[in-house]
Amino acid sequence: MGLAGFNRMRKQKEQKEIKVQEVELQEEDKKDTKKSDKKVDDK
């Protein structure tokens, strides 16, 4: 495999990892909104 192919594979891998991180952040946001909703319910 040439250097260009290697770089392309690395870019695709990085993009996948970025997408995974974005999904994880969205999941954290959902948890945070649920927590804040509970706080409102307590009042």
C-alpha atoms as a PDB file:
ATOM      1  CA  MET A   1       0.000   0.000   0.000  1.00  0.00           C
ATOM      2  CA  GLY A   2       1.370   3.419  -0.969  1.00  0.00           C
ATOM      3  CA  LEU A   3       1.687   6.409   1.320  1.00  0.00           C
ATOM      4  CA  ALA A   4      -1.384   8.068  -0.232  1.00  0.00           C
ATOM      5  CA  GLY A   5      -3.534   5.033   0.556  1.00  0.00           C
ATOM      6  CA  PHE A   6      -2.182   4.912   4.087  1.00  0.00           C
ATOM      7  CA  ASN A   7      -2.984   8.595   4.639  1.00  0.00           C
ATOM      8  CA  ARG A   8      -6.500   8.092   3.252  1.00  0.00           C
ATOM      9  CA  MET A   9      -7.129   5.194   5.639  1.00  0.00           C
ATOM     10  CA  ARG A  10      -5.823   7.248   8.563  1.00  0.00           C
ATOM     11  CA  LYS A  11      -8.125  10.150   7.673  1.00  0.00           C
ATOM     12  CA  GLN A  12     -11.139   7.821   7.484  1.00  0.00           C
ATOM     13  CA  LYS A  13     -10.220   6.330  10.867  1.00  0.00           C
ATOM     14  CA  GLU A  14      -9.896   9.817  12.393  1.00  0.00           C
ATOM     15  CA  GLN A  15     -13.274  10.845  10.951  1.00  0.00           C
ATOM     16  CA  LYS A  16     -14.902   7.731  12.434  1.00  0.00           C
ATOM     17  CA  GLU A  17     -13.379   8.499  15.839  1.00  0.00           C
ATOM     18  CA  ILE A  18     -14.617  12.111  15.640  1.00  0.00           C
ATOM     19  CA  LYS A  19     -18.142  10.874  14.834  1.00  0.00           C
ATOM     20  CA  VAL A  20     -18.009   8.478  17.807  1.00  0.00           C
ATOM     21  CA  GLN A  21     -16.919  11.345  20.080  1.00  0.00           C
ATOM     22  CA  GLU A  22     -19.771  13.526  18.784  1.00  0.00           C
ATOM     23  CA  VAL A  23     -22.297  10.750  19.490  1.00  0.00           C
ATOM     24  CA  GLU A  24     -20.877  10.319  23.006  1.00  0.00           C
ATOM     25  CA  LEU A  25     -21.180  14.067  23.604  1.00  0.00           C
ATOM     26  CA  GLN A  26     -24.812  13.979  22.434  1.00  0.00           C
ATOM     27  CA  GLU A  27     -25.498  11.092  24.839  1.00  0.00           C
ATOM     28  CA  GLU A  28     -23.945  13.138  27.678  1.00  0.00           C
ATOM     29  CA  ASP A  29     -26.154  16.099  26.725  1.00  0.00           C
ATOM     30  CA  LYS A  30     -29.246  13.866  26.949  1.00  0.00           C
ATOM     31  CA  LYS A  31     -28.189  12.707  30.424  1.00  0.00           C
ATOM     32  CA  ASP A  32     -27.599  16.317  31.497  1.00  0.00           C
ATOM     33  CA  THR A  33     -31.035  17.434  30.265  1.00  0.00           C
ATOM     34  CA  LYS A  34     -32.654  14.530  32.121  1.00  0.00           C
ATOM     35  CA  LYS A  35     -30.814  15.556  35.300  1.00  0.00           C
ATOM     36  CA  SER A  36     -31.924  19.189  34.935  1.00  0.00           C
ATOM     37  CA  ASP A  37     -35.523  18.036  34.344  1.00  0.00           C
ATOM     38  CA  LYS A  38     -35.385  16.048  37.594  1.00  0.00           C
ATOM     39  CA  LYS A  39     -34.129  19.129  39.442  1.00  0.00           C
ATOM     40  CA  VAL A  40     -37.128  21.073  38.149  1.00  0.00           C
ATOM     41  CA  ASP A  41     -39.482  18.277  39.272  1.00  0.00           C
ATOM     42  CA  ASP A  42     -38.044  18.381  42.808  1.00  0.00           C
ATOM     43  CA  LYS A  43     -39.179  21.977  43.303  1.00  0.00           C
END
